[in-house]
C-alpha atoms as a PDB file:
ATOM      1  CA  MET A   1     117.727  58.594  54.700  1.00  0.00           C
ATOM      2  CA  ALA A   2     115.305  61.120  56.214  1.00  0.00           C
ATOM      3  CA  LYS A   3     112.359  59.498  54.455  1.00  0.00           C
ATOM      4  CA  LEU A   4     113.514  56.118  55.711  1.00  0.00           C
ATOM      5  CA  ASN A   5     113.712  57.480  59.256  1.00  0.00           C
ATOM      6  CA  ILE A   6     110.156  58.777  59.004  1.00  0.00           C
ATOM      7  CA  PHE A   7     108.980  55.403  57.752  1.00  0.00           C
ATOM      8  CA  MET A   8     110.722  53.587  60.594  1.00  0.00           C
ATOM      9  CA  LEU A   9     109.214  55.955  63.163  1.00  0.00           C
ATOM     10  CA  LEU A  10     105.735  55.395  61.748  1.00  0.00           C
ATOM     11  CA  LEU A  11     106.312  51.634  61.794  1.00  0.00           C
ATOM     12  CA  LEU A  12     107.713  51.454  65.319  1.00  0.00           C
ATOM     13  CA  SER A  13     104.840  53.504  66.719  1.00  0.00           C
ATOM     14  CA  SER A  14     102.064  51.573  64.949  1.00  0.00           C
ATOM     15  CA  HIS A  15     100.972  49.875  68.170  1.00  0.00           C
ATOM     16  CA  TYR A  16     100.847  53.001  70.312  1.00  0.00           C
ATOM     17  CA  LEU A  17      97.111  52.722  71.021  1.00  0.00           C
ATOM     18  CA  LEU A  18      97.723  49.492  72.861  1.00  0.00           C
ATOM     19  CA  THR A  19     100.044  51.262  75.306  1.00  0.00           C
ATOM     20  CA  THR A  20      98.198  54.538  75.915  1.00  0.00           C
ATOM     21  CA  THR A  21      95.099  53.401  77.765  1.00  0.00           C
ATOM     22  CA  ALA A  22      96.796  54.708  80.925  1.00  0.00           C
ATOM     23  CA  LYS A  23      97.278  52.628  84.050  1.00  0.00           C
ATOM     24  CA  SER A  24      94.826  49.788  84.452  1.00  0.00           C
ATOM     25  CA  SER A  25      93.313  48.596  87.669  1.00  0.00           C
ATOM     26  CA  THR A  26      93.542  45.041  88.862  1.00  0.00           C
ATOM     27  CA  GLY A  27      90.518  42.917  89.516  1.00  0.00           C
ATOM     28  CA  SER A  28      87.028  43.210  88.131  1.00  0.00           C
ATOM     29  CA  SER A  29      83.610  44.125  89.442  1.00  0.00           C
ATOM     30  CA  PRO A  30      80.551  43.022  87.428  1.00  0.00           C
ATOM     31  CA  GLU A  31      78.467  45.756  89.053  1.00  0.00           C
ATOM     32  CA  ALA A  32      81.040  48.419  88.195  1.00  0.00           C
ATOM     33  CA  ALA A  33      81.389  47.044  84.662  1.00  0.00           C
ATOM     34  CA  ALA A  34      77.627  47.350  84.174  1.00  0.00           C
ATOM     35  CA  PHE A  35      77.753  50.898  85.581  1.00  0.00           C
ATOM     36  CA  ILE A  36      80.507  51.888  83.131  1.00  0.00           C
ATOM     37  CA  LYS A  37      78.637  50.388  80.191  1.00  0.00           C
ATOM     38  CA  ALA A  38      75.445  52.218  81.132  1.00  0.00           C
ATOM     39  CA  GLU A  39      77.191  55.562  81.621  1.00  0.00           C
ATOM     40  CA  CYS A  40      79.143  55.212  78.381  1.00  0.00           C
ATOM     41  CA  ARG A  41      75.858  55.179  76.454  1.00  0.00           C
ATOM     42  CA  ALA A  42      75.754  58.937  77.033  1.00  0.00           C
ATOM     43  CA  THR A  43      79.003  59.446  75.099  1.00  0.00           C
ATOM     44  CA  ARG A  44      79.527  59.891  71.381  1.00  0.00           C
ATOM     45  CA  TYR A  45      81.716  56.781  71.132  1.00  0.00           C
ATOM     46  CA  PRO A  46      80.196  54.324  73.631  1.00  0.00           C
ATOM     47  CA  ALA A  47      82.086  51.214  72.495  1.00  0.00           C
ATOM     48  CA  LEU A  48      85.411  53.048  72.735  1.00  0.00           C
ATOM     49  CA  CYS A  49      84.364  54.418  76.118  1.00  0.00           C
ATOM     50  CA  VAL A  50      83.717  50.946  77.509  1.00  0.00           C
ATOM     51  CA  GLN A  51      86.914  49.585  75.971  1.00  0.00           C
ATOM     52  CA  CYS A  52      89.057  52.311  77.526  1.00  0.00           C
ATOM     53  CA  LEU A  53      87.450  52.311  80.977  1.00  0.00           C
ATOM     54  CA  SER A  54      86.931  48.587  81.499  1.00  0.00           C
ATOM     55  CA  ASN A  55      90.332  48.339  83.204  1.00  0.00           C
ATOM     56  CA  TYR A  56      89.273  50.832  85.872  1.00  0.00           C
ATOM     57  CA  THR A  57      86.370  48.982  87.482  1.00  0.00           C
ATOM     58  CA  THR A  58      88.003  48.672  90.905  1.00  0.00           C
ATOM     59  CA  THR A  59      88.823  52.371  90.924  1.00  0.00           C
ATOM     60  CA  ILE A  60      85.539  53.615  89.503  1.00  0.00           C
ATOM     61  CA  GLN A  61      83.136  51.276  91.315  1.00  0.00           C
ATOM     62  CA  LEU A  62      79.842  53.252  91.067  1.00  0.00           C
ATOM     63  CA  SER A  63      81.409  56.704  91.334  1.00  0.00           C
ATOM     64  CA  GLN A  64      80.427  59.277  88.729  1.00  0.00           C
ATOM     65  CA  ARG A  65      83.403  61.448  89.606  1.00  0.00           C
ATOM     66  CA  GLN A  66      85.902  58.579  89.436  1.00  0.00           C
ATOM     67  CA  LEU A  67      84.426  57.595  86.078  1.00  0.00           C
ATOM     68  CA  ALA A  68      85.036  61.085  84.699  1.00  0.00           C
ATOM     69  CA  GLN A  69      88.489  61.126  86.281  1.00  0.00           C
ATOM     70  CA  ALA A  70      89.429  57.830  84.633  1.00  0.00           C
ATOM     71  CA  ALA A  71      88.165  59.086  81.271  1.00  0.00           C
ATOM     72  CA  LEU A  72      90.344  62.191  81.613  1.00  0.00           C
ATOM     73  CA  SER A  73      93.307  59.981  82.502  1.00  0.00           C
ATOM     74  CA  VAL A  74      92.853  57.962  79.317  1.00  0.00           C
ATOM     75  CA  SER A  75      92.526  61.142  77.264  1.00  0.00           C
ATOM     76  CA  LEU A  76      95.651  62.659  78.793  1.00  0.00           C
ATOM     77  CA  ALA A  77      97.691  59.491  78.188  1.00  0.00           C
ATOM     78  CA  ARG A  78      96.721  59.383  74.522  1.00  0.00           C
ATOM     79  CA  ALA A  79      97.350  63.110  74.089  1.00  0.00           C
ATOM     80  CA  GLN A  80     100.821  62.774  75.625  1.00  0.00           C
ATOM     81  CA  ALA A  81     101.645  59.831  73.347  1.00  0.00           C
ATOM     82  CA  ALA A  82     100.419  61.700  70.275  1.00  0.00           C
ATOM     83  CA  ALA A  83     102.327  64.852  71.244  1.00  0.00           C
ATOM     84  CA  SER A  84     105.502  62.812  71.700  1.00  0.00           C
ATOM     85  CA  PHE A  85     105.022  61.115  68.341  1.00  0.00           C
ATOM     86  CA  VAL A  86     104.500  64.401  66.473  1.00  0.00           C
ATOM     87  CA  SER A  87     107.494  65.971  68.231  1.00  0.00           C
ATOM     88  CA  LYS A  88     109.709  63.109  67.054  1.00  0.00           C
ATOM     89  CA  LEU A  89     108.498  63.606  63.495  1.00  0.00           C
ATOM     90  CA  ALA A  90     109.390  67.311  63.661  1.00  0.00           C
ATOM     91  CA  ARG A  91     113.028  66.383  64.268  1.00  0.00           C
ATOM     92  CA  ILE A  92     113.129  64.702  60.839  1.00  0.00           C
ATOM     93  CA  LYS A  93     112.433  67.966  58.997  1.00  0.00           C
ATOM     94  CA  ALA A  94     114.506  67.043  55.928  1.00  0.00           C
ATOM     95  CA  GLY A  95     112.012  64.364  54.897  1.00  0.00           C
ATOM     96  CA  MET A  96     108.992  66.684  54.830  1.00  0.00           C
ATOM     97  CA  LYS A  97     107.451  69.203  52.463  1.00  0.00           C
ATOM     98  CA  PRO A  98     107.356  72.762  53.847  1.00  0.00           C
ATOM     99  CA  THR A  99     103.579  72.566  54.210  1.00  0.00           C
ATOM    100  CA  GLU A 100     103.870  69.297  56.117  1.00  0.00           C
ATOM    101  CA  TYR A 101     106.513  70.659  58.447  1.00  0.00           C
ATOM    102  CA  GLY A 102     104.411  73.749  59.145  1.00  0.00           C
ATOM    103  CA  ALA A 103     101.403  71.611  59.983  1.00  0.00           C
ATOM    104  CA  VAL A 104     103.523  69.387  62.221  1.00  0.00           C
ATOM    105  CA  ARG A 105     104.892  72.394  64.118  1.00  0.00           C
ATOM    106  CA  ASP A 106     101.380  73.787  64.605  1.00  0.00           C
ATOM    107  CA  CYS A 107     100.168  70.390  65.775  1.00  0.00           C
ATOM    108  CA  ILE A 108     102.969  70.200  68.343  1.00  0.00           C
ATOM    109  CA  GLU A 109     101.736  73.483  69.826  1.00  0.00           C
ATOM    110  CA  ASN A 110      98.107  72.326  69.739  1.00  0.00           C
ATOM    111  CA  MET A 111      98.863  69.012  71.408  1.00  0.00           C
ATOM    112  CA  GLY A 112     101.074  70.697  73.996  1.00  0.00           C
ATOM    113  CA  ASP A 113      98.159  72.918  74.945  1.00  0.00           C
ATOM    114  CA  THR A 114      95.897  69.866  74.972  1.00  0.00           C
ATOM    115  CA  THR A 115      98.042  67.943  77.444  1.00  0.00           C
ATOM    116  CA  ASP A 116      98.283  70.995  79.702  1.00  0.00           C
ATOM    117  CA  GLN A 117      94.518  71.508  79.679  1.00  0.00           C
ATOM    118  CA  LEU A 118      93.744  67.859  80.341  1.00  0.00           C
ATOM    119  CA  SER A 119      96.301  67.739  83.147  1.00  0.00           C
ATOM    120  CA  ARG A 120      94.735  70.801  84.779  1.00  0.00           C
ATOM    121  CA  SER A 121      91.296  69.248  84.370  1.00  0.00           C
ATOM    122  CA  MET A 122      92.392  66.060  86.123  1.00  0.00           C
ATOM    123  CA  LYS A 123      93.893  67.997  89.027  1.00  0.00           C
ATOM    124  CA  GLU A 124      90.808  70.187  89.392  1.00  0.00           C
ATOM    125  CA  LEU A 125      88.380  67.274  89.318  1.00  0.00           C
ATOM    126  CA  GLY A 126      90.579  65.217  91.631  1.00  0.00           C
ATOM    127  CA  ALA A 127      90.682  68.000  94.222  1.00  0.00           C
ATOM    128  CA  MET A 128      86.975  68.769  94.136  1.00  0.00           C
ATOM    129  CA  GLY A 129      86.063  65.984  96.527  1.00  0.00           C
ATOM    130  CA  ARG A 130      88.470  67.334  99.121  1.00  0.00           C
ATOM    131  CA  VAL A 131      87.487  71.016  98.925  1.00  0.00           C
ATOM    132  CA  ALA A 132      84.825  72.015 101.434  1.00  0.00           C
ATOM    133  CA  GLY A 133      82.702  75.111 101.165  1.00  0.00           C
ATOM    134  CA  GLN A 134      83.666  75.896  97.574  1.00  0.00           C
ATOM    135  CA  ASP A 135      81.188  76.536  94.810  1.00  0.00           C
ATOM    136  CA  PHE A 136      80.679  73.392  92.769  1.00  0.00           C
ATOM    137  CA  ASP A 137      79.607  75.214  89.609  1.00  0.00           C
ATOM    138  CA  TRP A 138      82.844  77.232  89.512  1.00  0.00           C
ATOM    139  CA  HIS A 139      85.099  74.181  89.858  1.00  0.00           C
ATOM    140  CA  VAL A 140      83.255  71.985  87.392  1.00  0.00           C
ATOM    141  CA  SER A 141      83.035  74.888  84.935  1.00  0.00           C
ATOM    142  CA  ASN A 142      86.835  75.045  84.961  1.00  0.00           C
ATOM    143  CA  VAL A 143      87.026  71.359  84.119  1.00  0.00           C
ATOM    144  CA  GLN A 144      84.445  71.659  81.341  1.00  0.00           C
ATOM    145  CA  THR A 145      86.182  74.702  79.849  1.00  0.00           C
ATOM    146  CA  TRP A 146      89.608  73.056  79.808  1.00  0.00           C
ATOM    147  CA  VAL A 147      88.394  69.759  78.358  1.00  0.00           C
ATOM    148  CA  SER A 148      86.423  71.631  75.681  1.00  0.00           C
ATOM    149  CA  ALA A 149      89.549  73.646  74.835  1.00  0.00           C
ATOM    150  CA  ALA A 150      91.595  70.436  74.631  1.00  0.00           C
ATOM    151  CA  LEU A 151      89.097  69.010  72.145  1.00  0.00           C
ATOM    152  CA  THR A 152      89.241  72.224  70.104  1.00  0.00           C
ATOM    153  CA  ASN A 153      93.038  72.054  69.977  1.00  0.00           C
ATOM    154  CA  GLU A 154      92.943  68.449  68.811  1.00  0.00           C
ATOM    155  CA  ASN A 155      90.534  69.376  66.019  1.00  0.00           C
ATOM    156  CA  THR A 156      92.717  72.363  65.088  1.00  0.00           C
ATOM    157  CA  CYS A 157      95.666  70.010  64.663  1.00  0.00           C
ATOM    158  CA  LEU A 158      93.547  67.810  62.409  1.00  0.00           C
ATOM    159  CA  ASP A 159      92.514  70.829  60.308  1.00  0.00           C
ATOM    160  CA  GLY A 160      96.174  71.422  59.478  1.00  0.00           C
ATOM    161  CA  PHE A 161      96.300  68.102  57.638  1.00  0.00           C
ATOM    162  CA  ALA A 162      92.928  68.395  55.901  1.00  0.00           C
ATOM    163  CA  SER A 163      94.108  69.557  52.457  1.00  0.00           C
ATOM    164  CA  VAL A 164      94.560  67.126  49.567  1.00  0.00           C
ATOM    165  CA  GLU A 165      98.195  68.182  49.089  1.00  0.00           C
ATOM    166  CA  MET A 166      98.930  66.788  52.548  1.00  0.00           C
ATOM    167  CA  ASP A 167      97.900  63.250  51.556  1.00  0.00           C
ATOM    168  CA  GLY A 168     100.480  60.633  52.451  1.00  0.00           C
ATOM    169  CA  SER A 169     101.732  58.372  55.225  1.00  0.00           C
ATOM    170  CA  LEU A 170     102.637  61.317  57.460  1.00  0.00           C
ATOM    171  CA  LYS A 171      99.100  62.701  57.344  1.00  0.00           C
ATOM    172  CA  VAL A 172      97.565  59.277  57.917  1.00  0.00           C
ATOM    173  CA  ALA A 173      99.787  58.499  60.911  1.00  0.00           C
ATOM    174  CA  ILE A 174      99.219  61.825  62.650  1.00  0.00           C
ATOM    175  CA  ARG A 175      95.498  61.974  61.967  1.00  0.00           C
ATOM    176  CA  ARG A 176      95.018  58.427  63.277  1.00  0.00           C
ATOM    177  CA  ARG A 177      96.602  59.352  66.586  1.00  0.00           C
ATOM    178  CA  VAL A 178      94.953  62.728  67.003  1.00  0.00           C
ATOM    179  CA  ILE A 179      91.521  61.441  65.993  1.00  0.00           C
ATOM    180  CA  SER A 180      91.891  58.766  68.673  1.00  0.00           C
ATOM    181  CA  CYS A 181      92.704  61.522  71.181  1.00  0.00           C
ATOM    182  CA  ALA A 182      89.742  63.608  70.052  1.00  0.00           C
ATOM    183  CA  GLN A 183      87.363  60.675  70.418  1.00  0.00           C
ATOM    184  CA  VAL A 184      88.384  59.840  73.982  1.00  0.00           C
ATOM    185  CA  THR A 185      88.422  63.546  74.881  1.00  0.00           C
ATOM    186  CA  SER A 186      84.891  63.885  73.532  1.00  0.00           C
ATOM    187  CA  ASN A 187      83.864  60.933  75.698  1.00  0.00           C
ATOM    188  CA  ALA A 188      85.592  62.422  78.739  1.00  0.00           C
ATOM    189  CA  LEU A 189      83.780  65.730  78.264  1.00  0.00           C
ATOM    190  CA  ALA A 190      80.443  63.921  78.026  1.00  0.00           C
ATOM    191  CA  LEU A 191      81.139  62.086  81.292  1.00  0.00           C
ATOM    192  CA  VAL A 192      82.250  65.291  83.033  1.00  0.00           C
ATOM    193  CA  ASN A 193      79.049  66.981  81.866  1.00  0.00           C
ATOM    194  CA  ARG A 194      77.029  64.010  83.085  1.00  0.00           C
ATOM    195  CA  PHE A 195      78.732  64.139  86.484  1.00  0.00           C
ATOM    196  CA  ALA A 196      77.936  67.860  86.741  1.00  0.00           C
ATOM    197  CA  ALA A 197      74.294  67.342  85.791  1.00  0.00           C
ATOM    198  CA  ARG A 198      73.849  64.435  88.190  1.00  0.00           C
ATOM    199  CA  HIS A 199      75.438  66.421  91.028  1.00  0.00           C
ATOM    200  CA  LYS A 200      73.087  69.352  90.469  1.00  0.00           C
ATOM    201  CA  ALA A 201      70.156  66.937  90.442  1.00  0.00           C
ATOM    202  CA  GLY A 202      71.350  65.419  93.733  1.00  0.00           C
ATOM    203  CA  ASP A 203      71.546  61.998  92.093  1.00  0.00           C
ATOM    204  CA  LEU A 204      75.013  60.888  93.218  1.00  0.00           C
ATOM    205  CA  LEU A 205      76.621  58.678  95.815  1.00  0.00           C
ATOM    206  CA  ASP A 206      77.506  60.556  99.015  1.00  0.00           C
ATOM    207  CA  SER A 207      81.194  60.035  98.247  1.00  0.00           C
ATOM    208  CA  ASP A 208      80.761  61.999  95.017  1.00  0.00           C
ATOM    209  CA  LYS A 209      78.872  64.909  96.518  1.00  0.00           C
ATOM    210  CA  ILE A 210      80.565  68.194  97.235  1.00  0.00           C
ATOM    211  CA  PHE A 211      79.169  70.345 100.006  1.00  0.00           C
END
């Protein structure tokens, strides 16, 4: 029965990627769409970047900061969905090998840390435009540190399922979700870094600049 429950959970959650692209914006702006496509070329997964952010054109417009913020939002949504999925699997302990259960428990902790770090990053980046007289480097360094840590935690979760003895549907299902998280987190970090570099170079819209 436990194995059947695991199978049903894997089956019912097979379409999770379609529902974890976060909240989409209405409308479309060709200029903003071109901006997103151009900026996504700087990421490791440009096609995925465009796919995930294409629903945010009305929010992003031509804003480097809003682009990074939207990328963090996508990453957080996928991390939360993956964390929820892994947590549900942990409650079906009877259907797992001890090594699998241990890896699942470790992954729950990793993904919990990931969601916390991405949430803090979003709040920090979102507040930066409203904070006057603060040092830009300090604030953006916080964001970069937290997003980097989130990516490390995602990869640590994946490492727990790397051994051959872990092969099976459980490993495949978890790795698929966490790899998706790691890819969008990598893209988000690249866009945060790009925003930081552009700000330092003075090459931003006035609405993105922090004084």
